[in-house]
Amino acid sequence: MSALDITDTDMDEYISRHQTIVIDCWASWCAPCLMMHHIIEELSEEMQGKVVFGKLNIDENRTATMKYQIMSIPTLLVFKNGVLVDKLIGVMPKEMLKAKLEVYN
């Protein structure tokens, strides 16, 4: 399963619908974001059934960007049972990210 495309309009619905969801806040012009894209796609397959991954383009979704105070990208917002439990900023190796996310299962 690949990462879901999330927008300002449906973000709250996705957060409430999934027990654990990680939302990748990114932009098309951001080179580090593009590096994280492959890691997110791989983890969405490996962690299927445990964690849902979504992608939020900050240039197209200013409301969520402001609400969650996204100042640097890539930023991963981690929600557990509808509550923001972690905010991970910057690029990190796949295994490090996976280990950080497994705490929320």
PDB file of N, CA and C in Angstrom:
ATOM      1  N   MET A   1       0.844  -1.187   0.000  1.00  0.00           N
ATOM      2  CA  MET A   1       0.000   0.000   0.000  1.00  0.00           C
ATOM      3  C   MET A   1       0.883   1.242   0.000  1.00  0.00           C
ATOM      4  N   SER A   2       0.661   2.122  -0.938  1.00  0.00           N
ATOM      5  CA  SER A   2       1.468   3.340  -0.973  1.00  0.00           C
ATOM      6  C   SER A   2       0.830   4.404  -0.078  1.00  0.00           C
ATOM      7  N   ALA A   3       1.576   5.460   0.161  1.00  0.00           N
ATOM      8  CA  ALA A   3       1.105   6.535   1.034  1.00  0.00           C
ATOM      9  C   ALA A   3      -0.117   7.224   0.425  1.00  0.00           C
ATOM     10  N   LEU A   4      -1.050   7.600   1.284  1.00  0.00           N
ATOM     11  CA  LEU A   4      -2.271   8.282   0.873  1.00  0.00           C
ATOM     12  C   LEU A   4      -1.975   9.750   0.591  1.00  0.00           C
ATOM     13  N   ASP A   5      -2.654  10.315  -0.395  1.00  0.00           N
ATOM     14  CA  ASP A   5      -2.569  11.756  -0.633  1.00  0.00           C
ATOM     15  C   ASP A   5      -3.570  12.424   0.305  1.00  0.00           C
ATOM     16  N   ILE A   6      -3.085  13.300   1.157  1.00  0.00           N
ATOM     17  CA  ILE A   6      -3.920  13.954   2.161  1.00  0.00           C
ATOM     18  C   ILE A   6      -3.981  15.444   1.872  1.00  0.00           C
ATOM     19  N   THR A   7      -5.150  16.031   2.112  1.00  0.00           N
ATOM     20  CA  THR A   7      -5.351  17.463   1.895  1.00  0.00           C
ATOM     21  C   THR A   7      -5.923  18.096   3.162  1.00  0.00           C
ATOM     22  N   ASP A   8      -5.979  19.417   3.170  1.00  0.00           N
ATOM     23  CA  ASP A   8      -6.609  20.139   4.280  1.00  0.00           C
ATOM     24  C   ASP A   8      -8.021  19.616   4.532  1.00  0.00           C
ATOM     25  N   THR A   9      -8.730  19.327   3.460  1.00  0.00           N
ATOM     26  CA  THR A   9     -10.129  18.927   3.543  1.00  0.00           C
ATOM     27  C   THR A   9     -10.337  17.594   4.247  1.00  0.00           C
ATOM     28  N   ASP A  10      -9.458  16.617   3.982  1.00  0.00           N
ATOM     29  CA  ASP A  10      -9.688  15.271   4.523  1.00  0.00           C
ATOM     30  C   ASP A  10      -8.710  14.833   5.614  1.00  0.00           C
ATOM     31  N   MET A  11      -7.812  15.710   6.029  1.00  0.00           N
ATOM     32  CA  MET A  11      -6.793  15.327   7.002  1.00  0.00           C
ATOM     33  C   MET A  11      -7.392  14.852   8.329  1.00  0.00           C
ATOM     34  N   ASP A  12      -8.327  15.610   8.884  1.00  0.00           N
ATOM     35  CA  ASP A  12      -8.924  15.224  10.171  1.00  0.00           C
ATOM     36  C   ASP A  12      -9.632  13.882  10.068  1.00  0.00           C
ATOM     37  N   GLU A  13     -10.262  13.634   8.946  1.00  0.00           N
ATOM     38  CA  GLU A  13     -10.953  12.352   8.740  1.00  0.00           C
ATOM     39  C   GLU A  13      -9.957  11.195   8.759  1.00  0.00           C
ATOM     40  N   TYR A  14      -8.834  11.340   8.062  1.00  0.00           N
ATOM     41  CA  TYR A  14      -7.811  10.289   8.059  1.00  0.00           C
ATOM     42  C   TYR A  14      -7.235  10.071   9.456  1.00  0.00           C
ATOM     43  N   ILE A  15      -6.989  11.165  10.179  1.00  0.00           N
ATOM     44  CA  ILE A  15      -6.423  11.060  11.523  1.00  0.00           C
ATOM     45  C   ILE A  15      -7.374  10.303  12.447  1.00  0.00           C
ATOM     46  N   SER A  16      -8.657  10.580  12.357  1.00  0.00           N
ATOM     47  CA  SER A  16      -9.619   9.918  13.241  1.00  0.00           C
ATOM     48  C   SER A  16      -9.910   8.482  12.806  1.00  0.00           C
ATOM     49  N   ARG A  17      -9.767   8.192  11.524  1.00  0.00           N
ATOM     50  CA  ARG A  17     -10.098   6.867  10.997  1.00  0.00           C
ATOM     51  C   ARG A  17      -9.023   5.818  11.291  1.00  0.00           C
ATOM     52  N   HIS A  18      -7.767   6.218  11.397  1.00  0.00           N
ATOM     53  CA  HIS A  18      -6.665   5.268  11.548  1.00  0.00           C
ATOM     54  C   HIS A  18      -6.050   5.352  12.941  1.00  0.00           C
ATOM     55  N   GLN A  19      -5.798   4.183  13.516  1.00  0.00           N
ATOM     56  CA  GLN A  19      -5.237   4.127  14.869  1.00  0.00           C
ATOM     57  C   GLN A  19      -3.866   4.800  14.913  1.00  0.00           C
ATOM     58  N   THR A  20      -3.000   4.457  13.952  1.00  0.00           N
ATOM     59  CA  THR A  20      -1.682   5.088  13.860  1.00  0.00           C
ATOM     60  C   THR A  20      -1.487   5.557  12.423  1.00  0.00           C
ATOM     61  N   ILE A  21      -1.277   6.855  12.271  1.00  0.00           N
ATOM     62  CA  ILE A  21      -1.041   7.412  10.936  1.00  0.00           C
ATOM     63  C   ILE A  21       0.137   8.375  11.010  1.00  0.00           C
ATOM     64  N   VAL A  22       1.003   8.276  10.013  1.00  0.00           N
ATOM     65  CA  VAL A  22       2.162   9.153   9.883  1.00  0.00           C
ATOM     66  C   VAL A  22       1.951   9.997   8.641  1.00  0.00           C
ATOM     67  N   ILE A  23       1.951  11.305   8.803  1.00  0.00           N
ATOM     68  CA  ILE A  23       1.727  12.213   7.677  1.00  0.00           C
ATOM     69  C   ILE A  23       3.029  12.926   7.353  1.00  0.00           C
ATOM     70  N   ASP A  24       3.503  12.680   6.144  1.00  0.00           N
ATOM     71  CA  ASP A  24       4.735  13.267   5.629  1.00  0.00           C
ATOM     72  C   ASP A  24       4.408  14.625   5.022  1.00  0.00           C
ATOM     73  N   CYS A  25       4.874  15.686   5.653  1.00  0.00           N
ATOM     74  CA  CYS A  25       4.678  17.047   5.151  1.00  0.00           C
ATOM     75  C   CYS A  25       5.867  17.376   4.254  1.00  0.00           C
ATOM     76  N   TRP A  26       5.584  17.665   2.996  1.00  0.00           N
ATOM     77  CA  TRP A  26       6.634  17.781   1.983  1.00  0.00           C
ATOM     78  C   TRP A  26       6.275  18.864   0.963  1.00  0.00           C
ATOM     79  N   ALA A  27       7.216  19.111   0.044  1.00  0.00           N
ATOM     80  CA  ALA A  27       6.990  20.001  -1.100  1.00  0.00           C
ATOM     81  C   ALA A  27       7.804  19.477  -2.279  1.00  0.00           C
ATOM     82  N   SER A  28       7.324  19.722  -3.465  1.00  0.00           N
ATOM     83  CA  SER A  28       7.972  19.192  -4.673  1.00  0.00           C
ATOM     84  C   SER A  28       9.364  19.772  -4.910  1.00  0.00           C
ATOM     85  N   TRP A  29       9.634  20.958  -4.396  1.00  0.00           N
ATOM     86  CA  TRP A  29      10.933  21.623  -4.603  1.00  0.00           C
ATOM     87  C   TRP A  29      11.965  21.235  -3.538  1.00  0.00           C
ATOM     88  N   CYS A  30      11.573  20.407  -2.577  1.00  0.00           N
ATOM     89  CA  CYS A  30      12.426  20.069  -1.429  1.00  0.00           C
ATOM     90  C   CYS A  30      13.194  18.772  -1.684  1.00  0.00           C
ATOM     91  N   ALA A  31      14.509  18.890  -1.922  1.00  0.00           N
ATOM     92  CA  ALA A  31      15.336  17.702  -2.203  1.00  0.00           C
ATOM     93  C   ALA A  31      15.325  16.689  -1.050  1.00  0.00           C
ATOM     94  N   PRO A  32      15.463  17.100   0.209  1.00  0.00           N
ATOM     95  CA  PRO A  32      15.387  16.120   1.297  1.00  0.00           C
ATOM     96  C   PRO A  32      14.030  15.400   1.353  1.00  0.00           C
ATOM     97  N   CYS A  33      12.966  16.113   0.984  1.00  0.00           N
ATOM     98  CA  CYS A  33      11.637  15.485   0.950  1.00  0.00           C
ATOM     99  C   CYS A  33      11.601  14.364  -0.084  1.00  0.00           C
ATOM    100  N   LEU A  34      12.231  14.605  -1.224  1.00  0.00           N
ATOM    101  CA  LEU A  34      12.258  13.589  -2.279  1.00  0.00           C
ATOM    102  C   LEU A  34      13.067  12.376  -1.827  1.00  0.00           C
ATOM    103  N   MET A  35      14.102  12.601  -1.020  1.00  0.00           N
ATOM    104  CA  MET A  35      14.872  11.491  -0.466  1.00  0.00           C
ATOM    105  C   MET A  35      13.986  10.653   0.466  1.00  0.00           C
ATOM    106  N   MET A  36      13.165  11.316   1.256  1.00  0.00           N
ATOM    107  CA  MET A  36      12.286  10.617   2.199  1.00  0.00           C
ATOM    108  C   MET A  36      11.147   9.891   1.497  1.00  0.00           C
ATOM    109  N   HIS A  37      10.793  10.339   0.301  1.00  0.00           N
ATOM    110  CA  HIS A  37       9.673   9.733  -0.426  1.00  0.00           C
ATOM    111  C   HIS A  37       9.860   8.218  -0.568  1.00  0.00           C
ATOM    112  N   HIS A  38      11.050   7.800  -0.970  1.00  0.00           N
ATOM    113  CA  HIS A  38      11.307   6.366  -1.174  1.00  0.00           C
ATOM    114  C   HIS A  38      11.246   5.602   0.149  1.00  0.00           C
ATOM    115  N   ILE A  39      11.748   6.210   1.203  1.00  0.00           N
ATOM    116  CA  ILE A  39      11.719   5.579   2.524  1.00  0.00           C
ATOM    117  C   ILE A  39      10.269   5.410   2.992  1.00  0.00           C
ATOM    118  N   ILE A  40       9.460   6.438   2.806  1.00  0.00           N
ATOM    119  CA  ILE A  40       8.046   6.382   3.195  1.00  0.00           C
ATOM    120  C   ILE A  40       7.323   5.292   2.413  1.00  0.00           C
ATOM    121  N   GLU A  41       7.578   5.212   1.118  1.00  0.00           N
ATOM    122  CA  GLU A  41       6.923   4.191   0.295  1.00  0.00           C
ATOM    123  C   GLU A  41       7.322   2.781   0.743  1.00  0.00           C
ATOM    124  N   GLU A  42       8.599   2.565   1.039  1.00  0.00           N
ATOM    125  CA  GLU A  42       9.060   1.257   1.502  1.00  0.00           C
ATOM    126  C   GLU A  42       8.436   0.905   2.852  1.00  0.00           C
ATOM    127  N   LEU A  43       8.412   1.862   3.761  1.00  0.00           N
ATOM    128  CA  LEU A  43       7.835   1.597   5.080  1.00  0.00           C
ATOM    129  C   LEU A  43       6.330   1.382   5.013  1.00  0.00           C
ATOM    130  N   SER A  44       5.659   2.045   4.074  1.00  0.00           N
ATOM    131  CA  SER A  44       4.218   1.834   3.951  1.00  0.00           C
ATOM    132  C   SER A  44       3.918   0.385   3.566  1.00  0.00           C
ATOM    133  N   GLU A  45       4.814  -0.237   2.812  1.00  0.00           N
ATOM    134  CA  GLU A  45       4.664  -1.657   2.475  1.00  0.00           C
ATOM    135  C   GLU A  45       5.039  -2.533   3.673  1.00  0.00           C
ATOM    136  N   GLU A  46       6.188  -2.261   4.270  1.00  0.00           N
ATOM    137  CA  GLU A  46       6.700  -3.085   5.369  1.00  0.00           C
ATOM    138  C   GLU A  46       5.826  -3.024   6.616  1.00  0.00           C
ATOM    139  N   MET A  47       5.222  -1.888   6.878  1.00  0.00           N
ATOM    140  CA  MET A  47       4.452  -1.708   8.106  1.00  0.00           C
ATOM    141  C   MET A  47       2.945  -1.752   7.863  1.00  0.00           C
ATOM    142  N   GLN A  48       2.561  -2.262   6.697  1.00  0.00           N
ATOM    143  CA  GLN A  48       1.141  -2.346   6.345  1.00  0.00           C
ATOM    144  C   GLN A  48       0.391  -3.134   7.415  1.00  0.00           C
ATOM    145  N   GLY A  49      -0.749  -2.622   7.822  1.00  0.00           N
ATOM    146  CA  GLY A  49      -1.530  -3.254   8.869  1.00  0.00           C
ATOM    147  C   GLY A  49      -1.189  -2.722  10.261  1.00  0.00           C
ATOM    148  N   LYS A  50      -0.084  -2.011  10.381  1.00  0.00           N
ATOM    149  CA  LYS A  50       0.333  -1.441  11.667  1.00  0.00           C
ATOM    150  C   LYS A  50       0.264   0.084  11.644  1.00  0.00           C
ATOM    151  N   VAL A  51       0.794   0.666  10.569  1.00  0.00           N
ATOM    152  CA  VAL A  51       0.872   2.122  10.428  1.00  0.00           C
ATOM    153  C   VAL A  51       0.386   2.500   9.034  1.00  0.00           C
ATOM    154  N   VAL A  52      -0.414   3.555   8.960  1.00  0.00           N
ATOM    155  CA  VAL A  52      -0.846   4.111   7.682  1.00  0.00           C
ATOM    156  C   VAL A  52       0.003   5.346   7.427  1.00  0.00           C
ATOM    157  N   PHE A  53       0.454   5.506   6.195  1.00  0.00           N
ATOM    158  CA  PHE A  53       1.268   6.661   5.824  1.00  0.00           C
ATOM    159  C   PHE A  53       0.492   7.552   4.862  1.00  0.00           C
ATOM    160  N   GLY A  54       0.636   8.851   5.056  1.00  0.00           N
ATOM    161  CA  GLY A  54       0.018   9.819   4.167  1.00  0.00           C
ATOM    162  C   GLY A  54       1.025  10.893   3.800  1.00  0.00           C
ATOM    163  N   LYS A  55       0.727  11.619   2.719  1.00  0.00           N
ATOM    164  CA  LYS A  55       1.599  12.696   2.250  1.00  0.00           C
ATOM    165  C   LYS A  55       0.758  13.963   2.121  1.00  0.00           C
ATOM    166  N   LEU A  56       1.269  15.050   2.708  1.00  0.00           N
ATOM    167  CA  LEU A  56       0.593  16.338   2.674  1.00  0.00           C
ATOM    168  C   LEU A  56       1.526  17.353   2.026  1.00  0.00           C
ATOM    169  N   ASN A  57       1.151  17.844   0.851  1.00  0.00           N
ATOM    170  CA  ASN A  57       1.938  18.858   0.155  1.00  0.00           C
ATOM    171  C   ASN A  57       1.684  20.204   0.844  1.00  0.00           C
ATOM    172  N   ILE A  58       2.716  20.756   1.467  1.00  0.00           N
ATOM    173  CA  ILE A  58       2.533  21.983   2.251  1.00  0.00           C
ATOM    174  C   ILE A  58       2.216  23.204   1.391  1.00  0.00           C
ATOM    175  N   ASP A  59       2.638  23.187   0.140  1.00  0.00           N
ATOM    176  CA  ASP A  59       2.356  24.327  -0.738  1.00  0.00           C
ATOM    177  C   ASP A  59       0.883  24.373  -1.135  1.00  0.00           C
ATOM    178  N   GLU A  60       0.232  23.225  -1.165  1.00  0.00           N
ATOM    179  CA  GLU A  60      -1.173  23.143  -1.586  1.00  0.00           C
ATOM    180  C   GLU A  60      -2.135  23.081  -0.409  1.00  0.00           C
ATOM    181  N   ASN A  61      -1.610  22.935   0.805  1.00  0.00           N
ATOM    182  CA  ASN A  61      -2.459  22.734   1.982  1.00  0.00           C
ATOM    183  C   ASN A  61      -1.972  23.616   3.132  1.00  0.00           C
ATOM    184  N   ARG A  62      -2.250  24.893   3.009  1.00  0.00           N
ATOM    185  CA  ARG A  62      -1.731  25.878   3.966  1.00  0.00           C
ATOM    186  C   ARG A  62      -2.414  25.794   5.343  1.00  0.00           C
ATOM    187  N   THR A  63      -3.665  25.362   5.397  1.00  0.00           N
ATOM    188  CA  THR A  63      -4.374  25.306   6.680  1.00  0.00           C
ATOM    189  C   THR A  63      -3.708  24.317   7.632  1.00  0.00           C
ATOM    190  N   ALA A  64      -3.464  23.102   7.156  1.00  0.00           N
ATOM    191  CA  ALA A  64      -2.814  22.085   7.993  1.00  0.00           C
ATOM    192  C   ALA A  64      -1.380  22.503   8.318  1.00  0.00           C
ATOM    193  N   THR A  65      -0.713  23.113   7.361  1.00  0.00           N
ATOM    194  CA  THR A  65       0.663  23.569   7.575  1.00  0.00           C
ATOM    195  C   THR A  65       0.720  24.565   8.731  1.00  0.00           C
ATOM    196  N   MET A  66      -0.228  25.480   8.777  1.00  0.00           N
ATOM    197  CA  MET A  66      -0.278  26.465   9.858  1.00  0.00           C
ATOM    198  C   MET A  66      -0.723  25.814  11.169  1.00  0.00           C
ATOM    199  N   LYS A  67      -1.739  24.971  11.108  1.00  0.00           N
ATOM    200  CA  LYS A  67      -2.292  24.335  12.307  1.00  0.00           C
ATOM    201  C   LYS A  67      -1.223  23.546  13.069  1.00  0.00           C
ATOM    202  N   TYR A  68      -0.392  22.814  12.325  1.00  0.00           N
ATOM    203  CA  TYR A  68       0.624  21.976  12.955  1.00  0.00           C
ATOM    204  C   TYR A  68       2.006  22.634  12.966  1.00  0.00           C
ATOM    205  N   GLN A  69       2.043  23.912  12.648  1.00  0.00           N
ATOM    206  CA  GLN A  69       3.257  24.728  12.718  1.00  0.00           C
ATOM    207  C   GLN A  69       4.450  24.063  12.035  1.00  0.00           C
ATOM    208  N   ILE A  70       4.252  23.705  10.762  1.00  0.00           N
ATOM    209  CA  ILE A  70       5.317  23.090   9.973  1.00  0.00           C
ATOM    210  C   ILE A  70       6.266  24.200   9.547  1.00  0.00           C
ATOM    211  N   MET A  71       7.460  24.223  10.128  1.00  0.00           N
ATOM    212  CA  MET A  71       8.447  25.260   9.847  1.00  0.00           C
ATOM    213  C   MET A  71       9.594  24.744   8.985  1.00  0.00           C
ATOM    214  N   SER A  72       9.832  23.436   9.023  1.00  0.00           N
ATOM    215  CA  SER A  72      10.908  22.801   8.250  1.00  0.00           C
ATOM    216  C   SER A  72      10.339  21.540   7.611  1.00  0.00           C
ATOM    217  N   ILE A  73      10.856  21.217   6.451  1.00  0.00           N
ATOM    218  CA  ILE A  73      10.433  19.978   5.806  1.00  0.00           C
ATOM    219  C   ILE A  73      11.662  19.192   5.371  1.00  0.00           C
ATOM    220  N   PRO A  74      11.558  17.890   5.302  1.00  0.00           N
ATOM    221  CA  PRO A  74      10.379  17.097   5.621  1.00  0.00           C
ATOM    222  C   PRO A  74      10.094  17.058   7.123  1.00  0.00           C
ATOM    223  N   THR A  75       8.807  17.061   7.455  1.00  0.00           N
ATOM    224  CA  THR A  75       8.339  16.848   8.824  1.00  0.00           C
ATOM    225  C   THR A  75       7.334  15.713   8.778  1.00  0.00           C
ATOM    226  N   LEU A  76       7.488  14.761   9.680  1.00  0.00           N
ATOM    227  CA  LEU A  76       6.532  13.667   9.815  1.00  0.00           C
ATOM    228  C   LEU A  76       5.716  13.907  11.075  1.00  0.00           C
ATOM    229  N   LEU A  77       4.400  13.960  10.912  1.00  0.00           N
ATOM    230  CA  LEU A  77       3.482  14.091  12.037  1.00  0.00           C
ATOM    231  C   LEU A  77       2.977  12.698  12.366  1.00  0.00           C
ATOM    232  N   VAL A  78       3.153  12.262  13.595  1.00  0.00           N
ATOM    233  CA  VAL A  78       2.736  10.926  14.007  1.00  0.00           C
ATOM    234  C   VAL A  78       1.518  11.064  14.917  1.00  0.00           C
ATOM    235  N   PHE A  79       0.407  10.464  14.493  1.00  0.00           N
ATOM    236  CA  PHE A  79      -0.830  10.498  15.262  1.00  0.00           C
ATOM    237  C   PHE A  79      -1.169   9.100  15.755  1.00  0.00           C
ATOM    238  N   LYS A  80      -1.545   9.011  17.014  1.00  0.00           N
ATOM    239  CA  LYS A  80      -1.971   7.754  17.625  1.00  0.00           C
ATOM    240  C   LYS A  80      -3.338   8.011  18.249  1.00  0.00           C
ATOM    241  N   ASN A  81      -4.338   7.247  17.817  1.00  0.00           N
ATOM    242  CA  ASN A  81      -5.710   7.407  18.319  1.00  0.00           C
ATOM    243  C   ASN A  81      -6.179   8.857  18.233  1.00  0.00           C
ATOM    244  N   GLY A  82      -5.857   9.524  17.118  1.00  0.00           N
ATOM    245  CA  GLY A  82      -6.317  10.878  16.870  1.00  0.00           C
ATOM    246  C   GLY A  82      -5.519  11.983  17.536  1.00  0.00           C
ATOM    247  N   VAL A  83      -4.447  11.624  18.256  1.00  0.00           N
ATOM    248  CA  VAL A  83      -3.659  12.610  18.984  1.00  0.00           C
ATOM    249  C   VAL A  83      -2.253  12.689  18.383  1.00  0.00           C
ATOM    250  N   LEU A  84      -1.760  13.910  18.180  1.00  0.00           N
ATOM    251  CA  LEU A  84      -0.393  14.105  17.709  1.00  0.00           C
ATOM    252  C   LEU A  84       0.558  13.684  18.828  1.00  0.00           C
ATOM    253  N   VAL A  85       1.338  12.625  18.582  1.00  0.00           N
ATOM    254  CA  VAL A  85       2.230  12.095  19.615  1.00  0.00           C
ATOM    255  C   VAL A  85       3.704  12.346  19.315  1.00  0.00           C
ATOM    256  N   ASP A  86       4.014  12.704  18.068  1.00  0.00           N
ATOM    257  CA  ASP A  86       5.410  12.960  17.734  1.00  0.00           C
ATOM    258  C   ASP A  86       5.487  13.792  16.465  1.00  0.00           C
ATOM    259  N   LYS A  87       6.565  14.549  16.357  1.00  0.00           N
ATOM    260  CA  LYS A  87       6.857  15.352  15.167  1.00  0.00           C
ATOM    261  C   LYS A  87       8.331  15.110  14.866  1.00  0.00           C
ATOM    262  N   LEU A  88       8.604  14.437  13.747  1.00  0.00           N
ATOM    263  CA  LEU A  88       9.971  14.088  13.364  1.00  0.00           C
ATOM    264  C   LEU A  88      10.383  14.988  12.204  1.00  0.00           C
ATOM    265  N   ILE A  89      11.483  15.706  12.379  1.00  0.00           N
ATOM    266  CA  ILE A  89      11.904  16.690  11.380  1.00  0.00           C
ATOM    267  C   ILE A  89      13.223  16.264  10.752  1.00  0.00           C
ATOM    268  N   GLY A  90      13.265  16.347   9.417  1.00  0.00           N
ATOM    269  CA  GLY A  90      14.488  16.059   8.687  1.00  0.00           C
ATOM    270  C   GLY A  90      14.538  14.647   8.122  1.00  0.00           C
ATOM    271  N   VAL A  91      15.589  14.402   7.364  1.00  0.00           N
ATOM    272  CA  VAL A  91      15.794  13.099   6.739  1.00  0.00           C
ATOM    273  C   VAL A  91      16.444  12.172   7.758  1.00  0.00           C
ATOM    274  N   MET A  92      16.000  10.923   7.754  1.00  0.00           N
ATOM    275  CA  MET A  92      16.647   9.931   8.604  1.00  0.00           C
ATOM    276  C   MET A  92      16.660   8.597   7.892  1.00  0.00           C
ATOM    277  N   PRO A  93      17.622   7.744   8.217  1.00  0.00           N
ATOM    278  CA  PRO A  93      17.693   6.428   7.580  1.00  0.00           C
ATOM    279  C   PRO A  93      16.429   5.620   7.857  1.00  0.00           C
ATOM    280  N   LYS A  94      16.096   4.760   6.919  1.00  0.00           N
ATOM    281  CA  LYS A  94      14.872   3.963   7.004  1.00  0.00           C
ATOM    282  C   LYS A  94      14.784   3.176   8.307  1.00  0.00           C
ATOM    283  N   GLU A  95      15.835   2.493   8.698  1.00  0.00           N
ATOM    284  CA  GLU A  95      15.777   1.657   9.898  1.00  0.00           C
ATOM    285  C   GLU A  95      15.588   2.497  11.163  1.00  0.00           C
ATOM    286  N   MET A  96      16.169   3.677  11.201  1.00  0.00           N
ATOM    287  CA  MET A  96      15.992   4.570  12.350  1.00  0.00           C
ATOM    288  C   MET A  96      14.534   5.030  12.437  1.00  0.00           C
ATOM    289  N   LEU A  97      13.972   5.424  11.297  1.00  0.00           N
ATOM    290  CA  LEU A  97      12.584   5.865  11.269  1.00  0.00           C
ATOM    291  C   LEU A  97      11.657   4.714  11.659  1.00  0.00           C
ATOM    292  N   LYS A  98      11.901   3.541  11.119  1.00  0.00           N
ATOM    293  CA  LYS A  98      11.078   2.377  11.426  1.00  0.00           C
ATOM    294  C   LYS A  98      11.094   2.097  12.934  1.00  0.00           C
ATOM    295  N   ALA A  99      12.272   2.139  13.544  1.00  0.00           N
ATOM    296  CA  ALA A  99      12.394   1.900  14.980  1.00  0.00           C
ATOM    297  C   ALA A  99      11.606   2.937  15.783  1.00  0.00           C
ATOM    298  N   LYS A 100      11.664   4.200  15.361  1.00  0.00           N
ATOM    299  CA  LYS A 100      10.933   5.254  16.070  1.00  0.00           C
ATOM    300  C   LYS A 100       9.418   5.032  15.964  1.00  0.00           C
ATOM    301  N   LEU A 101       8.959   4.547  14.805  1.00  0.00           N
ATOM    302  CA  LEU A 101       7.531   4.367  14.585  1.00  0.00           C
ATOM    303  C   LEU A 101       7.001   3.102  15.258  1.00  0.00           C
ATOM    304  N   GLU A 102       7.829   2.093  15.400  1.00  0.00           N
ATOM    305  CA  GLU A 102       7.381   0.838  16.025  1.00  0.00           C
ATOM    306  C   GLU A 102       7.005   1.042  17.490  1.00  0.00           C
ATOM    307  N   VAL A 103       7.496   2.093  18.103  1.00  0.00           N
ATOM    308  CA  VAL A 103       7.133   2.422  19.489  1.00  0.00           C
ATOM    309  C   VAL A 103       5.630   2.668  19.607  1.00  0.00           C
ATOM    310  N   TYR A 104       4.991   3.136  18.546  1.00  0.00           N
ATOM    311  CA  TYR A 104       3.585   3.519  18.590  1.00  0.00           C
ATOM    312  C   TYR A 104       2.636   2.388  18.218  1.00  0.00           C
ATOM    313  N   ASN A 105       3.142   1.191  18.045  1.00  0.00           N
ATOM    314  CA  ASN A 105       2.273   0.036  17.732  1.00  0.00           C
ATOM    315  C   ASN A 105       1.851  -0.676  18.982  1.00  0.00           C
TER     316      ASN A 105
END
